[in-house]
Amino acid sequence: MKAHPIILGIDDATFKLKSGHSYTYLIGVICQGTRMVKVQEQRIKIDGDDSTEKIIQLIKDNNENVQFVITHTITFGGFNLMNLEDVYSQTKKPIIAVTERDVDLESVKFALKKKYPQKYPKKIEYIINAGELYEMKIKTAAGYSSVYYHKKGISQNNAEELIQKSSIDSKLPEPVRMAHLIGRIFKSIA
């Protein structure tokens, strides 16, 4: 792995479920190592089914430059779940979905079944297809803490090397942390 890999970090923008807005943004930040190079956005439907295609579009818009993709979880805009397998198979870019805490799968299944009785099978399939949720200890400026991740197209060792290499002050890799911070200034859109 290069000393300064080119990573596309993705997170969703801030939104309020009860605001009456239908859409929010996916924010994509491209970094070479931990240096920001470019910022892009795609509009997604809150609780919709379009995050997979929009993430694929963000990657394809930067296909020649991006080596790796790291997202903040597999859920965006509420329960707009990304199909990690489809993103990898259509772009051939190694992808990692990181989260700061372990996932209570039974609670997620319950919430999905209650809120989306018709779409439940498809949405739960995306979670299952994401594969194993790995745990690793990460060292940042604040010390050691746990981070969890799914991966496609990359070995566990390389995934953990990339996460550690791209994390400085936070257990979120810098491209994802930057996307998260930029997303906080956006508002949901009608």
C-alpha atoms as a PDB file:
ATOM      1  CA  MET A   1       0.000   0.000   0.000  1.00  0.00           C
ATOM      2  CA  LYS A   2       1.283   3.464  -0.914  1.00  0.00           C
ATOM      3  CA  ALA A   3       2.278   5.879   1.830  1.00  0.00           C
ATOM      4  CA  HIS A   4      -0.508   8.304   0.818  1.00  0.00           C
ATOM      5  CA  PRO A   5      -3.358   6.292  -0.729  1.00  0.00           C
ATOM      6  CA  ILE A   6      -6.122   8.164  -2.527  1.00  0.00           C
ATOM      7  CA  ILE A   7      -9.357   7.584  -0.615  1.00  0.00           C
ATOM      8  CA  LEU A   8     -12.926   8.660  -1.292  1.00  0.00           C
ATOM      9  CA  GLY A   9     -14.641   9.157   2.077  1.00  0.00           C
ATOM     10  CA  ILE A  10     -18.450   9.281   2.120  1.00  0.00           C
ATOM     11  CA  ASP A  11     -21.010  10.312   4.739  1.00  0.00           C
ATOM     12  CA  ASP A  12     -24.493  11.780   4.629  1.00  0.00           C
ATOM     13  CA  ALA A  13     -25.423  15.365   5.416  1.00  0.00           C
ATOM     14  CA  THR A  14     -27.350  16.386   8.501  1.00  0.00           C
ATOM     15  CA  PHE A  15     -31.111  16.015   8.226  1.00  0.00           C
ATOM     16  CA  LYS A  16     -34.158  15.899  10.470  1.00  0.00           C
ATOM     17  CA  LEU A  17     -36.621  13.061   9.929  1.00  0.00           C
ATOM     18  CA  LYS A  18     -39.609  15.153  11.002  1.00  0.00           C
ATOM     19  CA  SER A  19     -38.661  18.221   8.929  1.00  0.00           C
ATOM     20  CA  GLY A  20     -40.914  17.287   6.026  1.00  0.00           C
ATOM     21  CA  HIS A  21     -37.929  17.236   3.663  1.00  0.00           C
ATOM     22  CA  SER A  22     -37.606  14.306   1.298  1.00  0.00           C
ATOM     23  CA  TYR A  23     -33.928  14.515   0.371  1.00  0.00           C
ATOM     24  CA  THR A  24     -30.503  15.016   1.861  1.00  0.00           C
ATOM     25  CA  TYR A  25     -26.971  14.811   0.477  1.00  0.00           C
ATOM     26  CA  LEU A  26     -24.177  12.294   0.313  1.00  0.00           C
ATOM     27  CA  ILE A  27     -20.870  14.105   0.731  1.00  0.00           C
ATOM     28  CA  GLY A  28     -17.798  12.639  -0.937  1.00  0.00           C
ATOM     29  CA  VAL A  29     -14.334  13.840   0.096  1.00  0.00           C
ATOM     30  CA  ILE A  30     -11.274  12.686  -1.812  1.00  0.00           C
ATOM     31  CA  CYS A  31      -8.036  12.725   0.129  1.00  0.00           C
ATOM     32  CA  GLN A  32      -4.506  11.813  -0.823  1.00  0.00           C
ATOM     33  CA  GLY A  33      -3.399  10.388   2.480  1.00  0.00           C
ATOM     34  CA  THR A  34      -5.046  12.809   4.891  1.00  0.00           C
ATOM     35  CA  ARG A  35      -4.860  15.873   2.598  1.00  0.00           C
ATOM     36  CA  MET A  36      -8.205  16.934   1.105  1.00  0.00           C
ATOM     37  CA  VAL A  37      -8.152  17.166  -2.692  1.00  0.00           C
ATOM     38  CA  LYS A  38     -11.803  17.395  -3.774  1.00  0.00           C
ATOM     39  CA  VAL A  39     -15.362  17.530  -2.408  1.00  0.00           C
ATOM     40  CA  GLN A  40     -18.487  16.338  -4.248  1.00  0.00           C
ATOM     41  CA  GLU A  41     -22.122  15.681  -3.424  1.00  0.00           C
ATOM     42  CA  GLN A  42     -25.043  13.589  -4.604  1.00  0.00           C
ATOM     43  CA  ARG A  43     -28.669  13.990  -3.549  1.00  0.00           C
ATOM     44  CA  ILE A  44     -30.388  10.960  -1.951  1.00  0.00           C
ATOM     45  CA  LYS A  45     -33.921  10.291  -0.785  1.00  0.00           C
ATOM     46  CA  ILE A  46     -34.365  10.124   2.988  1.00  0.00           C
ATOM     47  CA  ASP A  47     -35.293   6.513   3.869  1.00  0.00           C
ATOM     48  CA  GLY A  48     -35.102   5.731   0.148  1.00  0.00           C
ATOM     49  CA  ASP A  49     -33.309   3.104  -1.924  1.00  0.00           C
ATOM     50  CA  ASP A  50     -30.902   5.180  -4.017  1.00  0.00           C
ATOM     51  CA  SER A  51     -27.717   5.404  -1.911  1.00  0.00           C
ATOM     52  CA  THR A  52     -26.065   2.484  -3.749  1.00  0.00           C
ATOM     53  CA  GLU A  53     -26.435   4.071  -7.190  1.00  0.00           C
ATOM     54  CA  LYS A  54     -25.381   7.509  -5.899  1.00  0.00           C
ATOM     55  CA  ILE A  55     -22.252   6.100  -4.228  1.00  0.00           C
ATOM     56  CA  ILE A  56     -21.397   4.254  -7.440  1.00  0.00           C
ATOM     57  CA  GLN A  57     -21.783   7.558  -9.304  1.00  0.00           C
ATOM     58  CA  LEU A  58     -19.457   9.370  -6.858  1.00  0.00           C
ATOM     59  CA  ILE A  59     -16.852   6.657  -7.429  1.00  0.00           C
ATOM     60  CA  LYS A  60     -17.256   6.637 -11.228  1.00  0.00           C
ATOM     61  CA  ASP A  61     -16.953  10.445 -11.346  1.00  0.00           C
ATOM     62  CA  ASN A  62     -13.475   9.992  -9.836  1.00  0.00           C
ATOM     63  CA  ASN A  63     -12.627   6.518 -11.122  1.00  0.00           C
ATOM     64  CA  GLU A  64      -9.138   7.288 -12.460  1.00  0.00           C
ATOM     65  CA  ASN A  65      -7.910   8.756  -9.183  1.00  0.00           C
ATOM     66  CA  VAL A  66      -9.650   6.891  -6.358  1.00  0.00           C
ATOM     67  CA  GLN A  67      -7.895   3.763  -5.044  1.00  0.00           C
ATOM     68  CA  PHE A  68     -10.107   3.028  -2.000  1.00  0.00           C
ATOM     69  CA  VAL A  69     -13.558   3.979  -0.715  1.00  0.00           C
ATOM     70  CA  ILE A  70     -14.433   4.335   2.969  1.00  0.00           C
ATOM     71  CA  THR A  71     -17.985   5.121   4.076  1.00  0.00           C
ATOM     72  CA  HIS A  72     -19.476   5.956   7.448  1.00  0.00           C
ATOM     73  CA  THR A  73     -21.623   2.836   7.941  1.00  0.00           C
ATOM     74  CA  ILE A  74     -23.867   1.297   5.267  1.00  0.00           C
ATOM     75  CA  THR A  75     -26.906   3.457   6.136  1.00  0.00           C
ATOM     76  CA  PHE A  76     -27.434   6.971   4.826  1.00  0.00           C
ATOM     77  CA  GLY A  77     -30.342   9.388   5.044  1.00  0.00           C
ATOM     78  CA  GLY A  78     -32.133   7.347   7.697  1.00  0.00           C
ATOM     79  CA  PHE A  79     -32.572   3.800   6.389  1.00  0.00           C
ATOM     80  CA  ASN A  80     -31.319   4.338   2.829  1.00  0.00           C
ATOM     81  CA  LEU A  81     -29.063   1.274   2.895  1.00  0.00           C
ATOM     82  CA  MET A  82     -26.095   0.809   0.592  1.00  0.00           C
ATOM     83  CA  ASN A  83     -25.596  -2.548  -1.094  1.00  0.00           C
ATOM     84  CA  LEU A  84     -21.872  -2.958  -0.388  1.00  0.00           C
ATOM     85  CA  GLU A  85     -21.606  -5.952  -2.735  1.00  0.00           C
ATOM     86  CA  ASP A  86     -23.109  -4.008  -5.670  1.00  0.00           C
ATOM     87  CA  VAL A  87     -20.844  -1.007  -5.071  1.00  0.00           C
ATOM     88  CA  TYR A  88     -17.764  -3.205  -5.170  1.00  0.00           C
ATOM     89  CA  SER A  89     -18.875  -5.381  -8.099  1.00  0.00           C
ATOM     90  CA  GLN A  90     -19.781  -2.361 -10.254  1.00  0.00           C
ATOM     91  CA  THR A  91     -16.705  -0.237  -9.469  1.00  0.00           C
ATOM     92  CA  LYS A  92     -13.989  -2.769  -8.558  1.00  0.00           C
ATOM     93  CA  LYS A  93     -12.808  -0.311  -5.884  1.00  0.00           C
ATOM     94  CA  PRO A  94     -12.024  -1.822  -2.480  1.00  0.00           C
ATOM     95  CA  ILE A  95     -14.616  -0.483  -0.047  1.00  0.00           C
ATOM     96  CA  ILE A  96     -14.789  -0.334   3.746  1.00  0.00           C
ATOM     97  CA  ALA A  97     -17.825   0.787   5.783  1.00  0.00           C
ATOM     98  CA  VAL A  98     -16.719   1.921   9.263  1.00  0.00           C
ATOM     99  CA  THR A  99     -18.723   2.592  12.403  1.00  0.00           C
ATOM    100  CA  GLU A 100     -17.777   3.667  15.902  1.00  0.00           C
ATOM    101  CA  ARG A 101     -19.872   1.072  17.714  1.00  0.00           C
ATOM    102  CA  ASP A 102     -20.941  -2.524  17.471  1.00  0.00           C
ATOM    103  CA  VAL A 103     -24.262  -3.081  15.722  1.00  0.00           C
ATOM    104  CA  ASP A 104     -27.191  -4.694  17.551  1.00  0.00           C
ATOM    105  CA  LEU A 105     -28.499  -6.612  14.538  1.00  0.00           C
ATOM    106  CA  GLU A 106     -31.692  -7.740  16.281  1.00  0.00           C
ATOM    107  CA  SER A 107     -32.636  -4.128  17.106  1.00  0.00           C
ATOM    108  CA  VAL A 108     -31.933  -3.071  13.518  1.00  0.00           C
ATOM    109  CA  LYS A 109     -34.058  -5.942  12.162  1.00  0.00           C
ATOM    110  CA  PHE A 110     -36.908  -4.992  14.499  1.00  0.00           C
ATOM    111  CA  ALA A 111     -36.789  -1.320  13.451  1.00  0.00           C
ATOM    112  CA  LEU A 112     -36.637  -2.203   9.758  1.00  0.00           C
ATOM    113  CA  LYS A 113     -39.513  -4.667   9.984  1.00  0.00           C
ATOM    114  CA  LYS A 114     -41.665  -2.150  11.879  1.00  0.00           C
ATOM    115  CA  LYS A 115     -40.940   0.842   9.629  1.00  0.00           C
ATOM    116  CA  TYR A 116     -40.694  -0.945   6.259  1.00  0.00           C
ATOM    117  CA  PRO A 117     -42.830  -4.097   6.285  1.00  0.00           C
ATOM    118  CA  GLN A 118     -42.858  -4.198   2.455  1.00  0.00           C
ATOM    119  CA  LYS A 119     -39.197  -3.304   1.884  1.00  0.00           C
ATOM    120  CA  TYR A 120     -37.842  -5.228   4.894  1.00  0.00           C
ATOM    121  CA  PRO A 121     -36.508  -8.266   2.959  1.00  0.00           C
ATOM    122  CA  LYS A 122     -34.499  -6.117   0.543  1.00  0.00           C
ATOM    123  CA  LYS A 123     -33.113  -3.821   3.231  1.00  0.00           C
ATOM    124  CA  ILE A 124     -32.112  -6.676   5.547  1.00  0.00           C
ATOM    125  CA  GLU A 125     -30.464  -8.417   2.587  1.00  0.00           C
ATOM    126  CA  TYR A 126     -28.110  -5.424   2.213  1.00  0.00           C
ATOM    127  CA  ILE A 127     -27.061  -5.765   5.853  1.00  0.00           C
ATOM    128  CA  ILE A 128     -26.444  -9.509   5.491  1.00  0.00           C
ATOM    129  CA  ASN A 129     -24.572  -9.047   2.194  1.00  0.00           C
ATOM    130  CA  ALA A 130     -22.245  -6.526   3.851  1.00  0.00           C
ATOM    131  CA  GLY A 131     -20.600  -9.535   5.472  1.00  0.00           C
ATOM    132  CA  GLU A 132     -18.859  -9.899   8.776  1.00  0.00           C
ATOM    133  CA  LEU A 133     -18.552  -6.880  11.061  1.00  0.00           C
ATOM    134  CA  TYR A 134     -14.895  -6.834  12.104  1.00  0.00           C
ATOM    135  CA  GLU A 135     -13.562  -5.090  15.204  1.00  0.00           C
ATOM    136  CA  MET A 136     -10.131  -3.510  15.481  1.00  0.00           C
ATOM    137  CA  LYS A 137      -8.290  -1.384  18.020  1.00  0.00           C
ATOM    138  CA  ILE A 138      -7.169   1.894  16.554  1.00  0.00           C
ATOM    139  CA  LYS A 139      -4.576   4.304  17.904  1.00  0.00           C
ATOM    140  CA  THR A 140      -5.347   8.000  17.542  1.00  0.00           C
ATOM    141  CA  ALA A 141      -4.096  11.144  19.242  1.00  0.00           C
ATOM    142  CA  ALA A 142      -6.527  10.373  22.101  1.00  0.00           C
ATOM    143  CA  GLY A 143      -5.257   6.804  22.637  1.00  0.00           C
ATOM    144  CA  TYR A 144      -6.712   3.411  21.719  1.00  0.00           C
ATOM    145  CA  SER A 145     -10.344   2.669  20.989  1.00  0.00           C
ATOM    146  CA  SER A 146     -12.444   0.209  19.006  1.00  0.00           C
ATOM    147  CA  VAL A 147     -13.769   0.697  15.504  1.00  0.00           C
ATOM    148  CA  TYR A 148     -15.948  -1.724  13.530  1.00  0.00           C
ATOM    149  CA  TYR A 149     -16.099  -2.276   9.784  1.00  0.00           C
ATOM    150  CA  HIS A 150     -17.436  -4.273   6.848  1.00  0.00           C
ATOM    151  CA  LYS A 151     -15.241  -4.730   3.778  1.00  0.00           C
ATOM    152  CA  LYS A 152     -15.361  -5.851   0.153  1.00  0.00           C
ATOM    153  CA  GLY A 153     -12.454  -6.272  -2.255  1.00  0.00           C
ATOM    154  CA  ILE A 154      -9.732  -5.875   0.375  1.00  0.00           C
ATOM    155  CA  SER A 155      -8.104  -8.229   2.876  1.00  0.00           C
ATOM    156  CA  GLN A 156      -8.634  -7.766   6.606  1.00  0.00           C
ATOM    157  CA  ASN A 157      -4.956  -6.859   7.096  1.00  0.00           C
ATOM    158  CA  ASN A 158      -5.008  -4.252   4.319  1.00  0.00           C
ATOM    159  CA  ALA A 159      -8.341  -2.841   5.513  1.00  0.00           C
ATOM    160  CA  GLU A 160      -6.983  -2.365   9.018  1.00  0.00           C
ATOM    161  CA  GLU A 161      -3.743  -0.863   7.697  1.00  0.00           C
ATOM    162  CA  LEU A 162      -5.755   1.617   5.603  1.00  0.00           C
ATOM    163  CA  ILE A 163      -8.064   2.552   8.499  1.00  0.00           C
ATOM    164  CA  GLN A 164      -5.097   3.093  10.840  1.00  0.00           C
ATOM    165  CA  LYS A 165      -3.085   4.994   8.232  1.00  0.00           C
ATOM    166  CA  SER A 166      -5.959   7.385   7.481  1.00  0.00           C
ATOM    167  CA  SER A 167      -7.067   8.042  11.092  1.00  0.00           C
ATOM    168  CA  ILE A 168      -5.373  10.798  13.070  1.00  0.00           C
ATOM    169  CA  ASP A 169      -7.448  12.576  15.721  1.00  0.00           C
ATOM    170  CA  SER A 170     -10.580  10.469  15.441  1.00  0.00           C
ATOM    171  CA  LYS A 171     -11.282   6.788  15.048  1.00  0.00           C
ATOM    172  CA  LEU A 172     -13.052   7.738  11.826  1.00  0.00           C
ATOM    173  CA  PRO A 173     -10.623   7.887   8.894  1.00  0.00           C
ATOM    174  CA  GLU A 174      -9.933  11.500   7.877  1.00  0.00           C
ATOM    175  CA  PRO A 175     -11.806  11.404   4.519  1.00  0.00           C
ATOM    176  CA  VAL A 176     -14.948  10.163   6.319  1.00  0.00           C
ATOM    177  CA  ARG A 177     -14.487  12.596   9.214  1.00  0.00           C
ATOM    178  CA  MET A 178     -14.163  15.484   6.743  1.00  0.00           C
ATOM    179  CA  ALA A 179     -17.272  14.340   4.841  1.00  0.00           C
ATOM    180  CA  HIS A 180     -19.115  14.191   8.172  1.00  0.00           C
ATOM    181  CA  LEU A 181     -18.026  17.719   9.151  1.00  0.00           C
ATOM    182  CA  ILE A 182     -18.881  19.167   5.740  1.00  0.00           C
ATOM    183  CA  GLY A 183     -22.238  17.366   5.847  1.00  0.00           C
ATOM    184  CA  ARG A 184     -23.120  19.152   9.079  1.00  0.00           C
ATOM    185  CA  ILE A 185     -23.387  22.484   7.237  1.00  0.00           C
ATOM    186  CA  PHE A 186     -25.892  21.125   4.711  1.00  0.00           C
ATOM    187  CA  LYS A 187     -29.592  21.055   5.471  1.00  0.00           C
ATOM    188  CA  SER A 188     -32.218  18.621   4.218  1.00  0.00           C
ATOM    189  CA  ILE A 189     -33.844  19.725   0.997  1.00  0.00           C
ATOM    190  CA  ALA A 190     -37.466  19.440  -0.063  1.00  0.00           C
END
